[in-house]
C-alpha atoms as a PDB file:
ATOM      1  CA  MET A   1      -0.060  -0.155  -0.028  1.00  0.00           C
ATOM      2  CA  LYS A   2       1.291   3.314  -0.912  1.00  0.00           C
ATOM      3  CA  LEU A   3       1.711   6.152   1.565  1.00  0.00           C
ATOM      4  CA  ALA A   4      -1.150   8.757   1.589  1.00  0.00           C
ATOM      5  CA  TYR A   5       1.317  11.597   1.772  1.00  0.00           C
ATOM      6  CA  HIS A   6       3.285  12.676  -1.217  1.00  0.00           C
ATOM      7  CA  THR A   7       5.833  15.653  -1.390  1.00  0.00           C
ATOM      8  CA  LYS A   8       4.779  16.631  -4.665  1.00  0.00           C
ATOM      9  CA  PRO A   9       1.064  17.663  -5.205  1.00  0.00           C
ATOM     10  CA  PRO A  10      -0.724  16.206  -8.057  1.00  0.00           C
ATOM     11  CA  ARG A  11      -2.236  18.631 -10.665  1.00  0.00           C
ATOM     12  CA  TYR A  12      -5.486  20.169  -9.424  1.00  0.00           C
ATOM     13  CA  PRO A  13      -8.524  20.247 -11.639  1.00  0.00           C
ATOM     14  CA  GLU A  14     -10.312  23.569 -11.951  1.00  0.00           C
ATOM     15  CA  ARG A  15     -13.685  22.092 -13.112  1.00  0.00           C
ATOM     16  CA  TRP A  16     -15.200  18.798 -13.939  1.00  0.00           C
ATOM     17  CA  ALA A  17     -14.919  19.345 -17.524  1.00  0.00           C
ATOM     18  CA  GLN A  18     -11.158  18.819 -17.328  1.00  0.00           C
ATOM     19  CA  LEU A  19     -11.717  15.055 -16.379  1.00  0.00           C
ATOM     20  CA  PRO A  20     -12.788  12.507 -18.973  1.00  0.00           C
ATOM     21  CA  ALA A  21     -16.437  11.951 -18.848  1.00  0.00           C
ATOM     22  CA  GLY A  22     -16.334  14.941 -16.291  1.00  0.00           C
ATOM     23  CA  GLU A  23     -19.967  15.976 -17.062  1.00  0.00           C
ATOM     24  CA  ALA A  24     -21.260  12.438 -16.498  1.00  0.00           C
ATOM     25  CA  ILE A  25     -19.046  12.134 -13.044  1.00  0.00           C
ATOM     26  CA  GLN A  26     -20.423  15.559 -11.922  1.00  0.00           C
ATOM     27  CA  ARG A  27     -24.229  14.721 -12.765  1.00  0.00           C
ATOM     28  CA  SER A  28     -23.931  11.403 -10.811  1.00  0.00           C
ATOM     29  CA  VAL A  29     -22.011  12.684  -7.992  1.00  0.00           C
ATOM     30  CA  GLN A  30     -24.460  15.682  -7.628  1.00  0.00           C
ATOM     31  CA  ILE A  31     -27.453  13.281  -7.548  1.00  0.00           C
ATOM     32  CA  VAL A  32     -26.129  11.312  -4.799  1.00  0.00           C
ATOM     33  CA  CYS A  33     -24.723  14.061  -2.775  1.00  0.00           C
ATOM     34  CA  ASN A  34     -28.044  16.151  -3.095  1.00  0.00           C
ATOM     35  CA  SER A  35     -29.889  13.021  -1.655  1.00  0.00           C
ATOM     36  CA  LEU A  36     -27.508  12.414   1.121  1.00  0.00           C
ATOM     37  CA  SER A  37     -27.479  16.313   2.019  1.00  0.00           C
ATOM     38  CA  GLN A  38     -31.075  16.185   3.213  1.00  0.00           C
ATOM     39  CA  ARG A  39     -29.608  14.547   6.588  1.00  0.00           C
ATOM     40  CA  ILE A  40     -27.441  17.447   7.360  1.00  0.00           C
ATOM     41  CA  PHE A  41     -28.956  20.214   9.331  1.00  0.00           C
ATOM     42  CA  GLY A  42     -27.543  23.352  11.105  1.00  0.00           C
ATOM     43  CA  TYR A  43     -26.275  26.861   9.954  1.00  0.00           C
ATOM     44  CA  HIS A  44     -23.076  26.474   7.957  1.00  0.00           C
ATOM     45  CA  LEU A  45     -21.857  23.986   5.257  1.00  0.00           C
ATOM     46  CA  VAL A  46     -18.347  24.156   3.518  1.00  0.00           C
ATOM     47  CA  LYS A  47     -17.900  22.891   0.034  1.00  0.00           C
ATOM     48  CA  LEU A  48     -14.185  22.131  -0.179  1.00  0.00           C
ATOM     49  CA  GLY A  49     -12.402  22.391  -3.279  1.00  0.00           C
ATOM     50  CA  ASN A  50     -13.115  23.439  -6.915  1.00  0.00           C
ATOM     51  CA  LEU A  51     -15.188  20.279  -7.574  1.00  0.00           C
ATOM     52  CA  SER A  52     -17.051  20.591  -4.609  1.00  0.00           C
ATOM     53  CA  THR A  53     -18.213  24.333  -5.368  1.00  0.00           C
ATOM     54  CA  GLN A  54     -19.745  23.148  -8.601  1.00  0.00           C
ATOM     55  CA  ILE A  55     -22.121  20.574  -6.779  1.00  0.00           C
ATOM     56  CA  ASN A  56     -25.540  21.842  -6.309  1.00  0.00           C
ATOM     57  CA  LEU A  57     -27.097  20.899  -2.955  1.00  0.00           C
ATOM     58  CA  SER A  58     -30.568  22.200  -3.604  1.00  0.00           C
ATOM     59  CA  LYS A  59     -32.258  19.775  -1.163  1.00  0.00           C
ATOM     60  CA  CYS A  60     -29.904  20.444   1.702  1.00  0.00           C
ATOM     61  CA  SER A  61     -31.538  22.065   4.763  1.00  0.00           C
ATOM     62  CA  VAL A  62     -28.494  24.113   5.424  1.00  0.00           C
ATOM     63  CA  THR A  63     -28.851  27.571   3.548  1.00  0.00           C
ATOM     64  CA  HIS A  64     -25.469  29.078   4.265  1.00  0.00           C
ATOM     65  CA  HIS A  65     -22.984  27.343   1.969  1.00  0.00           C
ATOM     66  CA  ILE A  66     -19.300  28.470   1.917  1.00  0.00           C
ATOM     67  CA  ASN A  67     -17.355  27.895  -1.176  1.00  0.00           C
ATOM     68  CA  GLN A  68     -13.612  27.459  -0.315  1.00  0.00           C
ATOM     69  CA  THR A  69     -11.071  27.027  -3.066  1.00  0.00           C
ATOM     70  CA  PRO A  70      -7.220  27.350  -3.136  1.00  0.00           C
ATOM     71  CA  TYR A  71      -7.468  30.378  -5.336  1.00  0.00           C
ATOM     72  CA  THR A  72     -10.109  32.689  -6.625  1.00  0.00           C
ATOM     73  CA  THR A  73     -12.752  31.472  -9.055  1.00  0.00           C
ATOM     74  CA  PRO A  74     -16.127  32.897  -9.890  1.00  0.00           C
ATOM     75  CA  ALA A  75     -17.856  30.649  -7.302  1.00  0.00           C
ATOM     76  CA  THR A  76     -15.444  31.336  -4.330  1.00  0.00           C
ATOM     77  CA  SER A  77     -16.318  32.573  -1.156  1.00  0.00           C
ATOM     78  CA  VAL A  78     -13.284  31.960   0.805  1.00  0.00           C
ATOM     79  CA  VAL A  79      -9.649  31.504  -0.474  1.00  0.00           C
ATOM     80  CA  SER A  80      -7.604  28.989   1.706  1.00  0.00           C
ATOM     81  CA  LEU A  81      -5.972  25.633   1.444  1.00  0.00           C
ATOM     82  CA  ALA A  82      -7.649  22.615   2.583  1.00  0.00           C
ATOM     83  CA  THR A  83      -4.712  21.776   4.850  1.00  0.00           C
ATOM     84  CA  GLU A  84      -5.252  25.109   6.669  1.00  0.00           C
ATOM     85  CA  LEU A  85      -8.851  25.840   7.244  1.00  0.00           C
ATOM     86  CA  PRO A  86      -9.654  29.372   8.349  1.00  0.00           C
ATOM     87  CA  TYR A  87     -12.545  28.473  10.627  1.00  0.00           C
ATOM     88  CA  GLU A  88     -13.028  28.190  14.541  1.00  0.00           C
ATOM     89  CA  GLU A  89     -13.153  24.855  16.294  1.00  0.00           C
ATOM     90  CA  ASN A  90     -16.806  23.024  16.313  1.00  0.00           C
ATOM     91  CA  SER A  91     -18.127  26.053  14.077  1.00  0.00           C
ATOM     92  CA  ILE A  92     -19.280  24.131  10.937  1.00  0.00           C
ATOM     93  CA  ASP A  93     -22.208  21.771  10.482  1.00  0.00           C
ATOM     94  CA  GLY A  94     -21.181  20.073   7.437  1.00  0.00           C
ATOM     95  CA  PHE A  95     -18.376  19.400   4.731  1.00  0.00           C
ATOM     96  CA  LEU A  96     -18.457  18.256   1.183  1.00  0.00           C
ATOM     97  CA  LEU A  97     -15.386  16.823  -0.257  1.00  0.00           C
ATOM     98  CA  ALA A  98     -16.165  16.015  -3.871  1.00  0.00           C
ATOM     99  CA  ASN A  99     -13.081  13.950  -4.999  1.00  0.00           C
ATOM    100  CA  GLU A 100     -10.979  16.590  -2.852  1.00  0.00           C
ATOM    101  CA  LEU A 101      -8.838  13.816  -1.422  1.00  0.00           C
ATOM    102  CA  ASP A 102      -8.139  12.320  -4.807  1.00  0.00           C
ATOM    103  CA  PHE A 103      -6.153  15.645  -5.747  1.00  0.00           C
ATOM    104  CA  CYS A 104      -4.369  16.448  -2.419  1.00  0.00           C
ATOM    105  CA  HIS A 105      -0.930  15.419  -1.437  1.00  0.00           C
ATOM    106  CA  ASP A 106      -1.780  15.017   2.282  1.00  0.00           C
ATOM    107  CA  PRO A 107      -5.355  13.705   2.845  1.00  0.00           C
ATOM    108  CA  HIS A 108      -4.631  12.928   6.495  1.00  0.00           C
ATOM    109  CA  GLN A 109      -3.992  16.731   7.087  1.00  0.00           C
ATOM    110  CA  VAL A 110      -7.211  17.520   5.221  1.00  0.00           C
ATOM    111  CA  LEU A 111      -9.384  15.160   7.245  1.00  0.00           C
ATOM    112  CA  ARG A 112      -7.649  16.498  10.509  1.00  0.00           C
ATOM    113  CA  GLU A 113      -8.518  19.975   9.763  1.00  0.00           C
ATOM    114  CA  VAL A 114     -12.194  18.958   8.812  1.00  0.00           C
ATOM    115  CA  ASP A 115     -12.357  17.233  12.106  1.00  0.00           C
ATOM    116  CA  ARG A 116     -11.085  20.182  14.061  1.00  0.00           C
ATOM    117  CA  CYS A 117     -13.695  22.556  12.461  1.00  0.00           C
ATOM    118  CA  ILE A 118     -16.722  20.375  12.355  1.00  0.00           C
ATOM    119  CA  ASN A 119     -19.097  20.351  15.440  1.00  0.00           C
ATOM    120  CA  GLN A 120     -20.391  17.384  17.386  1.00  0.00           C
ATOM    121  CA  ASP A 121     -22.692  15.271  15.305  1.00  0.00           C
ATOM    122  CA  GLY A 122     -21.519  17.111  12.131  1.00  0.00           C
ATOM    123  CA  TYR A 123     -21.731  15.308   8.762  1.00  0.00           C
ATOM    124  CA  ILE A 124     -19.061  14.708   5.840  1.00  0.00           C
ATOM    125  CA  ILE A 125     -19.911  13.742   2.422  1.00  0.00           C
ATOM    126  CA  ILE A 126     -16.769  12.453   0.589  1.00  0.00           C
ATOM    127  CA  SER A 127     -16.629  11.088  -3.077  1.00  0.00           C
ATOM    128  CA  GLY A 128     -13.688   9.505  -4.512  1.00  0.00           C
ATOM    129  CA  PHE A 129     -12.461   7.272  -7.413  1.00  0.00           C
ATOM    130  CA  ASN A 130     -12.395   3.376  -6.858  1.00  0.00           C
ATOM    131  CA  PRO A 131      -8.901   1.873  -7.479  1.00  0.00           C
ATOM    132  CA  PHE A 132     -10.291  -1.625  -7.921  1.00  0.00           C
ATOM    133  CA  SER A 133     -12.789  -0.538 -10.896  1.00  0.00           C
ATOM    134  CA  LEU A 134     -12.230  -0.464 -14.626  1.00  0.00           C
ATOM    135  CA  THR A 135     -11.160   3.112 -14.372  1.00  0.00           C
ATOM    136  CA  GLY A 136      -8.679   2.209 -11.586  1.00  0.00           C
ATOM    137  CA  VAL A 137      -7.078  -0.249 -13.975  1.00  0.00           C
ATOM    138  CA  GLY A 138      -7.186   2.116 -16.846  1.00  0.00           C
ATOM    139  CA  LYS A 139      -5.137   4.567 -14.667  1.00  0.00           C
ATOM    140  CA  TYR A 140      -2.259   2.223 -15.372  1.00  0.00           C
ATOM    141  CA  LEU A 141      -2.701   1.597 -18.964  1.00  0.00           C
ATOM    142  CA  PRO A 142      -1.475   4.033 -21.747  1.00  0.00           C
ATOM    143  CA  LEU A 143      -5.022   5.472 -22.247  1.00  0.00           C
ATOM    144  CA  LYS A 144      -5.095   9.317 -22.553  1.00  0.00           C
ATOM    145  CA  ARG A 145      -1.798   9.787 -20.932  1.00  0.00           C
ATOM    146  CA  GLY A 146      -1.480  13.320 -19.610  1.00  0.00           C
ATOM    147  CA  ASN A 147      -5.043  13.539 -18.480  1.00  0.00           C
ATOM    148  CA  LEU A 148      -5.801  14.812 -14.924  1.00  0.00           C
ATOM    149  CA  LEU A 149      -7.545  11.610 -14.006  1.00  0.00           C
ATOM    150  CA  HIS A 150      -4.214   9.812 -14.302  1.00  0.00           C
ATOM    151  CA  ASP A 151      -2.913  12.102 -11.421  1.00  0.00           C
ATOM    152  CA  ALA A 152      -5.963  11.136  -9.166  1.00  0.00           C
ATOM    153  CA  ARG A 153      -4.969   9.284  -5.942  1.00  0.00           C
ATOM    154  CA  PHE A 154      -7.626   6.677  -6.233  1.00  0.00           C
ATOM    155  CA  PHE A 155      -7.932   5.764  -2.338  1.00  0.00           C
ATOM    156  CA  SER A 156     -10.266   2.811  -1.820  1.00  0.00           C
ATOM    157  CA  SER A 157     -13.483   3.430  -0.057  1.00  0.00           C
ATOM    158  CA  SER A 158     -12.306   0.987   2.828  1.00  0.00           C
ATOM    159  CA  ARG A 159      -9.109   2.991   3.286  1.00  0.00           C
ATOM    160  CA  VAL A 160     -11.152   6.265   3.660  1.00  0.00           C
ATOM    161  CA  LYS A 161     -13.544   4.634   6.152  1.00  0.00           C
ATOM    162  CA  ASP A 162     -10.490   3.489   8.222  1.00  0.00           C
ATOM    163  CA  TRP A 163      -9.390   7.021   8.465  1.00  0.00           C
ATOM    164  CA  LEU A 164     -12.865   8.292   9.430  1.00  0.00           C
ATOM    165  CA  HIS A 165     -13.155   5.514  12.080  1.00  0.00           C
ATOM    166  CA  LEU A 166      -9.858   6.587  13.722  1.00  0.00           C
ATOM    167  CA  LEU A 167     -11.144  10.244  13.934  1.00  0.00           C
ATOM    168  CA  GLY A 168     -14.310   9.053  15.692  1.00  0.00           C
ATOM    169  CA  TYR A 169     -16.772   9.051  12.879  1.00  0.00           C
ATOM    170  CA  GLU A 170     -19.592   6.728  12.096  1.00  0.00           C
ATOM    171  CA  VAL A 171     -20.094   5.666   8.431  1.00  0.00           C
ATOM    172  CA  ILE A 172     -23.907   5.982   8.017  1.00  0.00           C
ATOM    173  CA  GLU A 173     -24.037   5.250   4.223  1.00  0.00           C
ATOM    174  CA  THR A 174     -21.999   4.148   1.097  1.00  0.00           C
ATOM    175  CA  ARG A 175     -23.320   4.450  -2.449  1.00  0.00           C
ATOM    176  CA  HIS A 176     -21.418   3.183  -5.632  1.00  0.00           C
ATOM    177  CA  ILE A 177     -22.072   4.692  -8.988  1.00  0.00           C
ATOM    178  CA  LEU A 178     -20.679   4.709 -12.526  1.00  0.00           C
ATOM    179  CA  PHE A 179     -19.830   1.112 -13.561  1.00  0.00           C
ATOM    180  CA  SER A 180     -18.075   1.996 -16.757  1.00  0.00           C
ATOM    181  CA  MET A 181     -14.588   2.721 -17.934  1.00  0.00           C
ATOM    182  CA  LEU A 182     -14.271   6.617 -17.416  1.00  0.00           C
ATOM    183  CA  PHE A 183     -10.934   6.929 -19.748  1.00  0.00           C
ATOM    184  CA  LEU A 184     -13.050   5.772 -22.987  1.00  0.00           C
ATOM    185  CA  ARG A 185     -14.777   8.366 -25.099  1.00  0.00           C
ATOM    186  CA  ARG A 186     -17.620   5.952 -26.029  1.00  0.00           C
ATOM    187  CA  LYS A 187     -19.598   5.236 -22.670  1.00  0.00           C
ATOM    188  CA  ILE A 188     -21.475   1.987 -22.285  1.00  0.00           C
ATOM    189  CA  ALA A 189     -25.139   2.951 -21.290  1.00  0.00           C
ATOM    190  CA  VAL A 190     -26.340   1.090 -18.212  1.00  0.00           C
ATOM    191  CA  SER A 191     -29.846   1.183 -17.138  1.00  0.00           C
ATOM    192  CA  LYS A 192     -30.689   2.195 -13.533  1.00  0.00           C
ATOM    193  CA  THR A 193     -31.994  -1.523 -12.703  1.00  0.00           C
ATOM    194  CA  TRP A 194     -28.701  -2.987 -13.737  1.00  0.00           C
ATOM    195  CA  GLN A 195     -27.027  -0.209 -11.784  1.00  0.00           C
ATOM    196  CA  ALA A 196     -28.942  -0.965  -8.637  1.00  0.00           C
ATOM    197  CA  LYS A 197     -28.020  -4.646  -9.030  1.00  0.00           C
ATOM    198  CA  ILE A 198     -24.383  -4.280  -9.709  1.00  0.00           C
ATOM    199  CA  SER A 199     -24.308  -1.735  -6.880  1.00  0.00           C
ATOM    200  CA  ARG A 200     -25.649  -4.366  -4.503  1.00  0.00           C
ATOM    201  CA  TYR A 201     -23.865  -7.534  -5.519  1.00  0.00           C
ATOM    202  CA  PHE A 202     -20.876  -5.996  -7.023  1.00  0.00           C
ATOM    203  CA  PRO A 203     -19.865  -2.830  -5.328  1.00  0.00           C
ATOM    204  CA  TRP A 204     -16.089  -3.107  -5.614  1.00  0.00           C
ATOM    205  CA  CYS A 205     -16.273  -2.506  -9.293  1.00  0.00           C
ATOM    206  CA  SER A 206     -17.932   1.011  -9.350  1.00  0.00           C
ATOM    207  CA  SER A 207     -15.760   3.840 -10.675  1.00  0.00           C
ATOM    208  CA  VAL A 208     -16.869   6.247  -8.037  1.00  0.00           C
ATOM    209  CA  TYR A 209     -18.238   6.065  -4.457  1.00  0.00           C
ATOM    210  CA  VAL A 210     -19.906   8.415  -2.291  1.00  0.00           C
ATOM    211  CA  ILE A 211     -19.646   8.260   1.593  1.00  0.00           C
ATOM    212  CA  LEU A 212     -21.803   9.955   4.362  1.00  0.00           C
ATOM    213  CA  ALA A 213     -20.159   9.957   7.783  1.00  0.00           C
ATOM    214  CA  ARG A 214     -21.278  11.542  10.971  1.00  0.00           C
ATOM    215  CA  LYS A 215     -18.983  12.632  13.853  1.00  0.00           C
ATOM    216  CA  ARG A 216     -19.733  10.837  17.213  1.00  0.00           C
ATOM    217  CA  VAL A 217     -18.584  12.305  20.740  1.00  0.00           C
ATOM    218  CA  MET A 218     -19.236  10.023  23.498  1.00  0.00           C
ATOM    219  CA  PRO A 219     -19.699  12.037  26.835  1.00  0.00           C
ATOM    220  CA  MET A 220     -17.690  10.915  29.902  1.00  0.00           C
ATOM    221  CA  THR A 221     -19.931  10.287  32.853  1.00  0.00           C
ATOM    222  CA  THR A 222     -18.580   9.195  36.257  1.00  0.00           C
ATOM    223  CA  ILE A 223     -20.034   6.129  37.891  1.00  0.00           C
ATOM    224  CA  LYS A 224     -20.605   6.196  41.638  1.00  0.00           C
ATOM    225  CA  SER A 225     -19.326   3.165  43.494  1.00  0.00           C
ATOM    226  CA  SER A 226     -22.143   0.879  44.953  1.00  0.00           C
ATOM    227  CA  TRP A 227     -20.202   0.013  48.227  1.00  0.00           C
ATOM    228  CA  LYS A 228     -19.049   2.046  51.089  1.00  0.00           C
ATOM    229  CA  LEU A 229     -16.495   1.670  53.771  1.00  0.00           C
ATOM    230  CA  LYS A 230     -17.783   1.109  57.219  1.00  0.00           C
ATOM    231  CA  PRO A 231     -15.777   2.820  60.090  1.00  0.00           C
ATOM    232  CA  ASN A 232     -14.200   0.620  62.697  1.00  0.00           C
ATOM    233  CA  PHE A 233     -15.493   3.148  65.488  1.00  0.00           C
ATOM    234  CA  SER A 234     -17.786   5.837  65.954  1.00  0.00           C
ATOM    235  CA  ALA A 235     -16.762   9.045  67.847  1.00  0.00           C
ATOM    236  CA  VAL A 236     -19.033   9.968  70.806  1.00  0.00           C
ATOM    237  CA  GLY A 237     -20.408  13.350  70.423  1.00  0.00           C
ATOM    238  CA  ALA A 238     -19.232  16.241  72.628  1.00  0.00           C
ATOM    239  CA  SER A 239     -22.742  17.221  73.435  1.00  0.00           C
ATOM    240  CA  MET A 240     -23.648  13.969  75.343  1.00  0.00           C
ATOM    241  CA  ARG A 241     -23.808  14.194  79.131  1.00  0.00           C
ATOM    242  CA  VAL A 242     -24.312  11.928  81.918  1.00  0.00           C
ATOM    243  CA  THR A 243     -27.647  12.289  83.814  1.00  0.00           C
ATOM    244  CA  SER A 244     -29.241  10.759  86.935  1.00  0.00           C
ATOM    245  CA  THR A 245     -31.287   7.684  86.541  1.00  0.00           C
ATOM    246  CA  LEU A 246     -33.839   8.827  89.264  1.00  0.00           C
ATOM    247  CA  PRO A 247     -37.212  10.245  88.099  1.00  0.00           C
ATOM    248  CA  ILE A 248     -37.432  13.918  88.135  1.00  0.00           C
ATOM    249  CA  GLU A 249     -39.812  13.652  90.983  1.00  0.00           C
ATOM    250  CA  GLN A 250     -37.472  11.682  93.208  1.00  0.00           C
ATOM    251  CA  LYS A 251     -34.419  14.101  92.674  1.00  0.00           C
ATOM    252  CA  SER A 252     -33.348  15.657  96.020  1.00  0.00           C
ATOM    253  CA  ARG A 253     -33.777  19.237  96.536  1.00  0.00           C
ATOM    254  CA  PRO A 254     -31.483  21.581  98.696  1.00  0.00           C
ATOM    255  CA  GLY A 255     -32.429  21.263 102.322  1.00  0.00           C
ATOM    256  CA  LYS A 256     -35.029  18.450 101.614  1.00  0.00           C
ATOM    257  CA  TYR A 257     -35.071  14.825 102.054  1.00  0.00           C
ATOM    258  CA  PRO A 258     -36.148  12.560  98.926  1.00  0.00           C
ATOM    259  CA  THR A 259     -39.670  11.686  98.677  1.00  0.00           C
ATOM    260  CA  GLY A 260     -40.672   8.995 101.185  1.00  0.00           C
ATOM    261  CA  PHE A 261     -38.237   9.611 103.769  1.00  0.00           C
ATOM    262  CA  THR A 262     -38.968  11.711 107.100  1.00  0.00           C
ATOM    263  CA  ASP A 263     -35.744  11.992 108.797  1.00  0.00           C
ATOM    264  CA  LYS A 264     -32.164  11.583 108.287  1.00  0.00           C
ATOM    265  CA  LYS A 265     -31.895   8.069 109.775  1.00  0.00           C
ATOM    266  CA  GLN A 266     -34.321   6.770 107.151  1.00  0.00           C
ATOM    267  CA  CYS A 267     -32.246   8.248 104.374  1.00  0.00           C
ATOM    268  CA  ARG A 268     -29.119   6.167 105.318  1.00  0.00           C
END
């Protein structure tokens, strides 16, 4: 397995049209992401990267969408690197990473920054290229050499899920789309029925996957012990006094004999 970190960053696409079958990929990713975004609620959602900003999330309940790109584009709201997010901790409700990890040199740092900025129970939508698909095989074949798709990192969905689990995320759902070779000009049309069957029984051969994950923070609660130590002795209270055992009526008064005695002799 190759290292996730690369010293030399790959070429970064400006739009989906620069990829082979880019419009078809964008359309399919947008349909799935738009459906999954209905589960995200809150106030702020960040679309990270050039490709993410071109995904329309019309069904998302979060109305404030922040388009962040590494340089200025017509759709840019914030200019910043994905490895250095300019947001406070626990301030973002959702992130969209549309194939952003495939074109970055340090995906671990990107996920760490996302984890720092996202709030508790926040959602992440991640799409990526599958290395075990026909498109993943075509990356190593002399097909359209020099295309941006050859520079994609092609991280498997299981590897991305492992990264998310280490950061404390729960994978809610994974969808697999586009079961054809994306490097070829002529695409094989696959009906929705066959795509559903292939996605169910052969998900490993899809060219693109989409992951929906949610951050989970378990609160720490102290558990009180059910047993207590019994003291070996009990201290006597300082207010306790020794009193006479005689009834109040029988207590002697000054200059008087106790009740029932008439003289000093009977009192002995």
